[in-house]
Protein backbone atom coordinates (compact mmCIF):
# COMPACT_ATOMS: atom_id res chain seq x y z
CA UNK A 1 111.19 70.35 107.64
CA UNK A 2 113.57 72.64 109.52
CA UNK A 3 114.89 75.67 107.72
CA UNK A 4 111.88 76.12 105.47
CA UNK A 5 110.42 79.60 105.49
CA UNK A 6 106.90 79.62 106.95
CA UNK A 7 104.21 81.36 104.96
CA UNK A 8 100.64 81.92 106.08
CA UNK A 9 98.18 82.46 103.23
CA UNK A 10 94.95 84.23 104.25
CA UNK A 11 92.02 84.52 101.85
CA UNK A 12 88.30 83.84 102.08
CA UNK A 13 88.20 82.62 98.46
CA UNK A 14 88.84 78.84 98.54
CA UNK A 15 90.14 78.73 94.95
CA UNK A 16 92.72 81.45 95.56
CA UNK A 17 93.69 79.78 98.84
CA UNK A 18 94.16 76.39 97.21
CA UNK A 19 96.16 77.66 94.25
CA UNK A 20 98.42 79.86 96.41
CA UNK A 21 99.00 77.01 98.88
CA UNK A 22 100.01 74.76 95.96
CA UNK A 23 102.24 77.46 94.46
CA UNK A 24 104.04 78.20 97.75
CA UNK A 25 104.63 74.50 98.51
CA UNK A 26 105.92 73.95 94.97
CA UNK A 27 108.41 76.76 95.62
CA UNK A 28 109.71 75.11 98.78
CA UNK A 29 107.86 76.97 101.54
CA UNK A 30 106.22 75.57 104.66
CA UNK A 31 102.62 76.70 104.09
CA UNK A 32 99.67 77.26 106.39
CA UNK A 33 96.29 78.58 105.31
CA UNK A 34 93.56 80.58 107.01
CA UNK A 35 90.10 81.01 105.52
CA UNK A 36 89.24 84.11 107.52
CA UNK A 37 90.64 86.81 109.77
CA UNK A 38 89.92 85.09 113.08
CA UNK A 39 91.70 81.93 111.91
CA UNK A 40 94.62 84.05 110.71
CA UNK A 41 94.98 85.82 114.08
CA UNK A 42 95.01 82.44 115.82
CA UNK A 43 97.60 80.95 113.44
CA UNK A 44 100.04 83.89 113.46
CA UNK A 45 100.30 83.58 117.25
CA UNK A 46 100.81 79.81 117.24
CA UNK A 47 102.99 79.42 114.14
CA UNK A 48 104.99 82.70 113.96
CA UNK A 49 105.22 82.78 110.15
CA UNK A 50 108.07 84.52 108.30
CA UNK A 51 105.60 85.99 105.84
CA UNK A 52 101.84 86.52 105.76
CA UNK A 53 100.14 86.73 102.37
CA UNK A 54 96.99 88.60 103.23
CA UNK A 55 93.70 89.39 101.53
CA UNK A 56 92.15 92.66 102.75
CA UNK A 57 88.43 92.20 102.25
CA UNK A 58 87.21 89.36 104.46
CA UNK A 59 83.89 88.94 106.26
CA UNK A 60 85.09 88.95 109.88
CA UNK A 61 88.44 90.63 110.56
CA UNK A 62 89.91 92.51 107.59
CA UNK A 63 93.50 92.31 106.43
CA UNK A 64 94.33 95.78 107.72
CA UNK A 65 93.41 94.70 111.28
CA UNK A 66 95.50 91.54 110.99
CA UNK A 67 98.47 93.56 109.73
CA UNK A 68 98.10 95.97 112.68
CA UNK A 69 98.03 93.02 115.07
CA UNK A 70 101.20 91.53 113.55
CA UNK A 71 103.11 94.82 113.56
CA UNK A 72 102.10 95.57 117.18
CA UNK A 73 103.21 92.17 118.45
CA UNK A 74 106.74 91.87 119.85
CA UNK A 75 107.18 88.29 118.69
CA UNK A 76 105.62 88.86 115.25
CA UNK A 77 106.82 92.28 114.18
CA UNK A 78 109.69 90.80 112.12
CA UNK A 79 107.19 88.91 109.95
CA UNK A 80 106.72 90.35 106.48
CA UNK A 81 103.18 91.22 105.42
CA UNK A 82 102.17 91.09 101.77
CA UNK A 83 98.71 92.38 100.91
CA UNK A 84 96.93 90.97 97.88
CA UNK A 85 93.72 92.76 97.15
CA UNK A 86 91.28 93.89 94.51
CA UNK A 87 91.39 97.26 96.30
CA UNK A 88 93.66 99.13 93.91
CA UNK A 89 92.98 102.76 94.83
CA UNK A 90 96.04 104.74 95.82
CA UNK A 91 94.54 105.39 99.29
CA UNK A 92 94.08 101.65 99.91
CA UNK A 93 97.62 100.88 98.82
CA UNK A 94 99.02 103.74 100.91
CA UNK A 95 97.08 102.49 103.95
CA UNK A 96 98.60 99.03 103.47
CA UNK A 97 102.14 100.39 103.40
CA UNK A 98 101.43 102.79 106.28
CA UNK A 99 100.39 99.82 108.41
CA UNK A 100 103.74 98.18 107.75
CA UNK A 101 103.21 95.97 104.70
CA UNK A 102 106.35 95.02 102.78
CA UNK A 103 104.41 94.63 99.55
CA UNK A 104 100.95 95.36 98.14
CA UNK A 105 99.87 93.28 95.16
CA UNK A 106 96.65 94.10 93.34
CA UNK A 107 94.39 91.33 92.01
CA UNK A 108 94.50 89.93 89.44
CA UNK A 109 98.25 89.33 89.67
CA UNK A 110 100.95 87.32 87.95
CA UNK A 111 101.92 84.39 90.18
CA UNK A 112 105.39 84.29 88.62
CA UNK A 113 105.99 87.94 89.48
CA UNK A 114 104.55 87.46 92.96
CA UNK A 115 106.83 84.46 93.67
CA UNK A 116 109.86 86.46 92.59
CA UNK A 117 108.93 89.28 94.99
CA UNK A 118 108.17 86.91 97.87
CA UNK A 119 111.49 85.10 97.44
CA UNK A 120 113.26 88.46 97.56
CA UNK A 121 111.43 89.36 100.76
CA UNK A 122 112.16 86.17 102.68
CA UNK A 123 115.61 85.58 101.23
């Protein structure tokens, strides 16, 4: 559907991926999912999402690398990046924001609160 905001959800945990995909669709977003970093890098180029919901710790390419790629790309740099991670140390969070993330959510998180923040980000 035209006009829907595109969100790419990236996580190597299938349960988190499935529940976030369901949640985003229920809230009226056009949702794509990637199960790993390589898939995410491929999809961001092809789909140009408005927002990328990104896990940090993944087996192949980590979330920090994907964020760097997005922020260094002319056609993608407007996309918002939201990290969701179990990495809750101040240094990890600071690194996320330094790389250009709009938001850093630590796991476990409230989906209601997260939806509110995502809606604010993408208008």
